Amino acid sequence: MNTESFNYDPTACHDDGTCVAISLGCIDDTAFNYDSSANTDDDSCIPFIYGCTDETAFNYNQSANTDDGSCIAVVEG
């Protein structure tokens, strides 16, 4: 019966104690920052961006958030 609850039921006439609090987060399980404890999407989902995440590599990609194994070591000489 609590209008602030995730599972609010406007047709309920008795509070049975089953109200669930709203938990904001990314609810897309294919997103980089998926939050399994969230029950309400807050538009914060970030897609996986594959690339080299090793800052010391020749082909470091600062936009990548998931390493794809493509890093190339810097060879001096």
N, C-alpha and C. Protein backbone atom coordinates (compact mmCIF):
# COMPACT_ATOMS: atom_id res chain seq x y z
N MET A 1 0.81 -1.20 0.00
CA MET A 1 0.00 0.00 0.00
C MET A 1 0.85 1.27 0.00
N ASN A 2 2.16 1.11 0.17
CA ASN A 2 3.06 2.26 0.19
C ASN A 2 3.36 2.69 -1.25
N THR A 3 2.93 3.89 -1.61
CA THR A 3 3.12 4.39 -2.98
C THR A 3 4.58 4.56 -3.34
N GLU A 4 5.45 4.58 -2.36
CA GLU A 4 6.89 4.74 -2.61
C GLU A 4 7.59 3.39 -2.82
N SER A 5 6.85 2.30 -2.76
CA SER A 5 7.43 0.97 -2.89
C SER A 5 7.50 0.52 -4.34
N PHE A 6 8.46 -0.35 -4.63
CA PHE A 6 8.63 -0.92 -5.97
C PHE A 6 7.40 -1.71 -6.38
N ASN A 7 6.83 -2.43 -5.45
CA ASN A 7 5.70 -3.30 -5.75
C ASN A 7 4.35 -2.72 -5.27
N TYR A 8 4.24 -1.41 -5.33
CA TYR A 8 2.99 -0.74 -4.92
C TYR A 8 1.81 -1.31 -5.71
N ASP A 9 0.74 -1.61 -5.01
CA ASP A 9 -0.47 -2.14 -5.63
C ASP A 9 -1.63 -1.21 -5.28
N PRO A 10 -2.09 -0.41 -6.23
CA PRO A 10 -3.17 0.53 -5.94
C PRO A 10 -4.50 -0.14 -5.60
N THR A 11 -4.60 -1.43 -5.89
CA THR A 11 -5.85 -2.14 -5.58
C THR A 11 -5.84 -2.78 -4.20
N ALA A 12 -4.70 -2.74 -3.52
CA ALA A 12 -4.60 -3.36 -2.18
C ALA A 12 -5.40 -2.55 -1.16
N CYS A 13 -6.04 -3.26 -0.25
CA CYS A 13 -6.80 -2.58 0.80
C CYS A 13 -6.27 -2.93 2.19
N HIS A 14 -5.30 -3.85 2.28
CA HIS A 14 -4.67 -4.22 3.55
C HIS A 14 -3.17 -4.33 3.34
N ASP A 15 -2.39 -3.75 4.24
CA ASP A 15 -0.93 -3.86 4.16
C ASP A 15 -0.50 -5.21 4.71
N ASP A 16 0.10 -6.03 3.83
CA ASP A 16 0.52 -7.36 4.26
C ASP A 16 2.01 -7.44 4.60
N GLY A 17 2.67 -6.28 4.61
CA GLY A 17 4.08 -6.24 5.01
C GLY A 17 5.05 -6.68 3.93
N THR A 18 4.62 -6.74 2.68
CA THR A 18 5.51 -7.21 1.62
C THR A 18 6.09 -6.10 0.76
N CYS A 19 6.01 -4.87 1.19
CA CYS A 19 6.54 -3.76 0.41
C CYS A 19 8.04 -3.93 0.16
N VAL A 20 8.45 -3.62 -1.07
CA VAL A 20 9.85 -3.72 -1.47
C VAL A 20 10.33 -2.32 -1.81
N ALA A 21 11.43 -1.90 -1.18
CA ALA A 21 11.97 -0.56 -1.45
C ALA A 21 12.48 -0.46 -2.88
N ILE A 22 12.40 0.72 -3.45
CA ILE A 22 12.95 0.97 -4.78
C ILE A 22 14.46 1.03 -4.67
N SER A 23 15.13 0.29 -5.55
CA SER A 23 16.59 0.27 -5.60
C SER A 23 17.01 0.64 -7.02
N LEU A 24 17.54 1.85 -7.18
CA LEU A 24 17.92 2.35 -8.50
C LEU A 24 19.24 1.76 -8.96
N GLY A 25 19.37 1.56 -10.26
CA GLY A 25 20.61 1.07 -10.85
C GLY A 25 20.37 0.60 -12.26
N CYS A 26 21.40 0.00 -12.85
CA CYS A 26 21.30 -0.53 -14.20
C CYS A 26 20.73 -1.95 -14.12
N ILE A 27 19.56 -2.16 -14.73
CA ILE A 27 18.92 -3.47 -14.67
C ILE A 27 19.08 -4.27 -15.97
N ASP A 28 19.91 -3.78 -16.90
CA ASP A 28 20.19 -4.50 -18.15
C ASP A 28 21.33 -5.47 -17.90
N ASP A 29 21.03 -6.76 -17.87
CA ASP A 29 22.07 -7.75 -17.53
C ASP A 29 23.12 -7.93 -18.61
N THR A 30 23.00 -7.21 -19.72
CA THR A 30 24.04 -7.25 -20.75
C THR A 30 24.94 -6.01 -20.68
N ALA A 31 24.73 -5.15 -19.71
CA ALA A 31 25.51 -3.91 -19.57
C ALA A 31 26.74 -4.13 -18.69
N PHE A 32 27.74 -3.31 -18.90
CA PHE A 32 29.00 -3.37 -18.15
C PHE A 32 28.76 -3.19 -16.65
N ASN A 33 27.86 -2.30 -16.30
CA ASN A 33 27.63 -1.98 -14.89
C ASN A 33 26.29 -2.50 -14.38
N TYR A 34 25.88 -3.67 -14.86
CA TYR A 34 24.64 -4.30 -14.39
C TYR A 34 24.66 -4.44 -12.87
N ASP A 35 23.55 -4.07 -12.25
CA ASP A 35 23.42 -4.14 -10.80
C ASP A 35 22.33 -5.14 -10.45
N SER A 36 22.72 -6.32 -10.00
CA SER A 36 21.74 -7.38 -9.71
C SER A 36 20.84 -7.04 -8.52
N SER A 37 21.22 -6.06 -7.72
CA SER A 37 20.39 -5.69 -6.58
C SER A 37 19.39 -4.59 -6.93
N ALA A 38 19.49 -4.02 -8.13
CA ALA A 38 18.57 -2.95 -8.55
C ALA A 38 17.27 -3.55 -9.05
N ASN A 39 16.17 -2.82 -8.83
CA ASN A 39 14.87 -3.25 -9.35
C ASN A 39 14.20 -2.16 -10.19
N THR A 40 14.86 -1.00 -10.29
CA THR A 40 14.34 0.11 -11.06
C THR A 40 15.48 0.75 -11.85
N ASP A 41 15.31 0.82 -13.18
CA ASP A 41 16.37 1.37 -14.02
C ASP A 41 16.52 2.88 -13.83
N ASP A 42 17.77 3.33 -13.74
CA ASP A 42 18.03 4.76 -13.57
C ASP A 42 18.76 5.35 -14.78
N ASP A 43 18.72 4.67 -15.91
CA ASP A 43 19.37 5.12 -17.15
C ASP A 43 20.87 5.28 -17.02
N SER A 44 21.50 4.49 -16.15
CA SER A 44 22.94 4.60 -15.95
C SER A 44 23.72 3.50 -16.66
N CYS A 45 23.04 2.64 -17.41
CA CYS A 45 23.71 1.50 -18.04
C CYS A 45 24.82 1.94 -19.00
N ILE A 46 25.93 1.22 -18.93
CA ILE A 46 27.09 1.49 -19.77
C ILE A 46 27.36 0.24 -20.61
N PRO A 47 27.46 0.40 -21.94
CA PRO A 47 27.73 -0.78 -22.76
C PRO A 47 29.16 -1.26 -22.58
N PHE A 48 29.39 -2.53 -22.88
CA PHE A 48 30.76 -3.05 -22.88
C PHE A 48 31.49 -2.40 -24.04
N ILE A 49 32.69 -1.91 -23.79
CA ILE A 49 33.55 -1.36 -24.84
C ILE A 49 34.85 -2.14 -24.76
N TYR A 50 35.06 -2.98 -25.76
CA TYR A 50 36.22 -3.87 -25.76
C TYR A 50 37.44 -3.18 -26.36
N GLY A 51 38.60 -3.50 -25.82
CA GLY A 51 39.85 -2.96 -26.32
C GLY A 51 40.96 -3.25 -25.34
N CYS A 52 42.11 -2.66 -25.56
CA CYS A 52 43.26 -2.83 -24.68
C CYS A 52 43.13 -1.88 -23.50
N THR A 53 43.11 -2.44 -22.28
CA THR A 53 42.94 -1.62 -21.07
C THR A 53 44.24 -1.44 -20.29
N ASP A 54 45.37 -1.91 -20.85
CA ASP A 54 46.68 -1.79 -20.20
C ASP A 54 47.29 -0.44 -20.58
N GLU A 55 47.37 0.46 -19.61
CA GLU A 55 47.86 1.82 -19.88
C GLU A 55 49.30 1.85 -20.38
N THR A 56 50.05 0.80 -20.16
CA THR A 56 51.45 0.78 -20.61
C THR A 56 51.60 0.18 -22.01
N ALA A 57 50.52 -0.28 -22.61
CA ALA A 57 50.58 -0.91 -23.92
C ALA A 57 50.62 0.12 -25.04
N PHE A 58 51.15 -0.30 -26.17
CA PHE A 58 51.26 0.54 -27.37
C PHE A 58 49.88 0.98 -27.86
N ASN A 59 48.92 0.09 -27.79
CA ASN A 59 47.59 0.36 -28.33
C ASN A 59 46.52 0.53 -27.24
N TYR A 60 46.92 1.11 -26.13
CA TYR A 60 45.98 1.36 -25.03
C TYR A 60 44.78 2.15 -25.53
N ASN A 61 43.59 1.73 -25.13
CA ASN A 61 42.35 2.41 -25.52
C ASN A 61 41.69 2.94 -24.26
N GLN A 62 41.77 4.25 -24.05
CA GLN A 62 41.22 4.82 -22.83
C GLN A 62 39.69 4.75 -22.78
N SER A 63 39.06 4.49 -23.89
CA SER A 63 37.60 4.35 -23.91
C SER A 63 37.15 2.95 -23.52
N ALA A 64 38.04 1.98 -23.60
CA ALA A 64 37.68 0.59 -23.31
C ALA A 64 37.44 0.38 -21.82
N ASN A 65 36.45 -0.45 -21.50
CA ASN A 65 36.20 -0.82 -20.11
C ASN A 65 36.32 -2.33 -19.91
N THR A 66 36.59 -3.05 -21.00
CA THR A 66 36.73 -4.51 -20.94
C THR A 66 37.89 -4.91 -21.84
N ASP A 67 38.88 -5.58 -21.25
CA ASP A 67 40.05 -5.97 -22.03
C ASP A 67 39.70 -7.11 -22.98
N ASP A 68 40.16 -6.99 -24.23
CA ASP A 68 39.87 -8.01 -25.22
C ASP A 68 41.10 -8.82 -25.62
N GLY A 69 42.21 -8.64 -24.88
CA GLY A 69 43.41 -9.42 -25.15
C GLY A 69 44.22 -8.91 -26.33
N SER A 70 43.94 -7.72 -26.80
CA SER A 70 44.61 -7.20 -27.99
C SER A 70 45.82 -6.32 -27.70
N CYS A 71 46.19 -6.19 -26.44
CA CYS A 71 47.27 -5.28 -26.08
C CYS A 71 48.59 -5.67 -26.75
N ILE A 72 49.30 -4.65 -27.20
CA ILE A 72 50.62 -4.83 -27.83
C ILE A 72 51.64 -4.14 -26.94
N ALA A 73 52.64 -4.92 -26.50
CA ALA A 73 53.66 -4.36 -25.63
C ALA A 73 54.51 -3.34 -26.39
N VAL A 74 54.96 -2.34 -25.65
CA VAL A 74 55.86 -1.34 -26.22
C VAL A 74 57.25 -1.94 -26.28
N VAL A 75 57.86 -1.86 -27.45
CA VAL A 75 59.22 -2.38 -27.63
C VAL A 75 60.10 -1.20 -27.96
N GLU A 76 61.06 -0.92 -27.09
CA GLU A 76 61.96 0.20 -27.32
C GLU A 76 63.21 -0.29 -28.04
N GLY A 77 63.73 0.56 -28.90
CA GLY A 77 64.96 0.20 -29.58
C GLY A 77 64.91 0.51 -31.03
